[in-house]
Amino acid sequence: MALNAEQKSEIVAKYGRGENDTGSPEVQVALLSARINELTEHFSQHKHDHHSRRGL
């Protein structure tokens, strides 16, 4: 359910200002958006997973 290291590094490479730029707003928004998209897919399949929904 969580993003793996490869997915995170792809997002950082695409939106980051530098190679290891994980703190810029662009990267942070992109990482949160990717996590929300994954959780949205999860919730469409598991409608009663209230614990994960609360963590969102």
C-alpha atoms as a PDB file:
ATOM      1  CA  MET A   1       0.000   0.000   0.000  1.00  0.00           C
ATOM      2  CA  ALA A   2       2.872   2.395   0.653  1.00  0.00           C
ATOM      3  CA  LEU A   3       5.167   3.747  -2.011  1.00  0.00           C
ATOM      4  CA  ASN A   4       8.353   1.737  -2.377  1.00  0.00           C
ATOM      5  CA  ALA A   5      11.808   3.295  -2.628  1.00  0.00           C
ATOM      6  CA  GLU A   6      11.906   3.000  -6.424  1.00  0.00           C
ATOM      7  CA  GLN A   7       8.628   4.867  -6.847  1.00  0.00           C
ATOM      8  CA  LYS A   8       9.767   7.586  -4.445  1.00  0.00           C
ATOM      9  CA  SER A   9      13.078   8.022  -6.244  1.00  0.00           C
ATOM     10  CA  GLU A  10      11.252   8.343  -9.592  1.00  0.00           C
ATOM     11  CA  ILE A  11       9.040  11.073  -8.151  1.00  0.00           C
ATOM     12  CA  VAL A  12      12.042  12.885  -6.644  1.00  0.00           C
ATOM     13  CA  ALA A  13      13.893  12.679  -9.967  1.00  0.00           C
ATOM     14  CA  LYS A  14      10.891  14.018 -11.864  1.00  0.00           C
ATOM     15  CA  TYR A  15       9.883  16.877  -9.558  1.00  0.00           C
ATOM     16  CA  GLY A  16      13.006  17.596  -7.506  1.00  0.00           C
ATOM     17  CA  ARG A  17      15.339  20.507  -8.054  1.00  0.00           C
ATOM     18  CA  GLY A  18      18.363  18.316  -7.393  1.00  0.00           C
ATOM     19  CA  GLU A  19      19.286  14.661  -7.141  1.00  0.00           C
ATOM     20  CA  ASN A  20      18.438  14.261  -3.446  1.00  0.00           C
ATOM     21  CA  ASP A  21      15.875  17.040  -3.142  1.00  0.00           C
ATOM     22  CA  THR A  22      13.099  15.566  -1.031  1.00  0.00           C
ATOM     23  CA  GLY A  23      12.139  18.707   0.851  1.00  0.00           C
ATOM     24  CA  SER A  24      10.988  21.043  -1.891  1.00  0.00           C
ATOM     25  CA  PRO A  25       7.242  21.707  -2.017  1.00  0.00           C
ATOM     26  CA  GLU A  26       6.947  20.218  -5.504  1.00  0.00           C
ATOM     27  CA  VAL A  27       8.340  16.874  -4.351  1.00  0.00           C
ATOM     28  CA  GLN A  28       6.276  16.836  -1.160  1.00  0.00           C
ATOM     29  CA  VAL A  29       3.042  17.496  -3.052  1.00  0.00           C
ATOM     30  CA  ALA A  30       3.895  14.860  -5.657  1.00  0.00           C
ATOM     31  CA  LEU A  31       4.641  12.254  -2.959  1.00  0.00           C
ATOM     32  CA  LEU A  32       1.414  13.006  -1.100  1.00  0.00           C
ATOM     33  CA  SER A  33      -0.562  12.904  -4.342  1.00  0.00           C
ATOM     34  CA  ALA A  34       0.889   9.500  -5.230  1.00  0.00           C
ATOM     35  CA  ARG A  35       0.045   8.163  -1.766  1.00  0.00           C
ATOM     36  CA  ILE A  36      -3.511   9.509  -1.978  1.00  0.00           C
ATOM     37  CA  ASN A  37      -3.954   7.922  -5.417  1.00  0.00           C
ATOM     38  CA  GLU A  38      -2.819   4.534  -4.101  1.00  0.00           C
ATOM     39  CA  LEU A  39      -5.120   4.779  -1.097  1.00  0.00           C
ATOM     40  CA  THR A  40      -8.048   5.788  -3.306  1.00  0.00           C
ATOM     41  CA  GLU A  41      -7.617   2.582  -5.302  1.00  0.00           C
ATOM     42  CA  HIS A  42      -7.334   0.600  -2.065  1.00  0.00           C
ATOM     43  CA  PHE A  43     -10.527   2.114  -0.648  1.00  0.00           C
ATOM     44  CA  SER A  44     -12.489   1.390  -3.804  1.00  0.00           C
ATOM     45  CA  GLN A  45     -11.746  -2.317  -3.272  1.00  0.00           C
ATOM     46  CA  HIS A  46     -11.931  -2.330   0.553  1.00  0.00           C
ATOM     47  CA  LYS A  47     -14.874  -0.151   1.469  1.00  0.00           C
ATOM     48  CA  HIS A  48     -14.877  -1.077   5.165  1.00  0.00           C
ATOM     49  CA  ASP A  49     -11.211  -0.352   5.870  1.00  0.00           C
ATOM     50  CA  HIS A  50     -11.892   2.495   8.270  1.00  0.00           C
ATOM     51  CA  HIS A  51      -8.535   2.202  10.025  1.00  0.00           C
ATOM     52  CA  SER A  52      -6.556   3.103   6.899  1.00  0.00           C
ATOM     53  CA  ARG A  53      -9.042   5.793   5.977  1.00  0.00           C
ATOM     54  CA  ARG A  54      -8.520   7.444   9.358  1.00  0.00           C
ATOM     55  CA  GLY A  55      -4.739   7.406   8.777  1.00  0.00           C
ATOM     56  CA  LEU A  56      -5.204   9.344   5.561  1.00  0.00           C
END
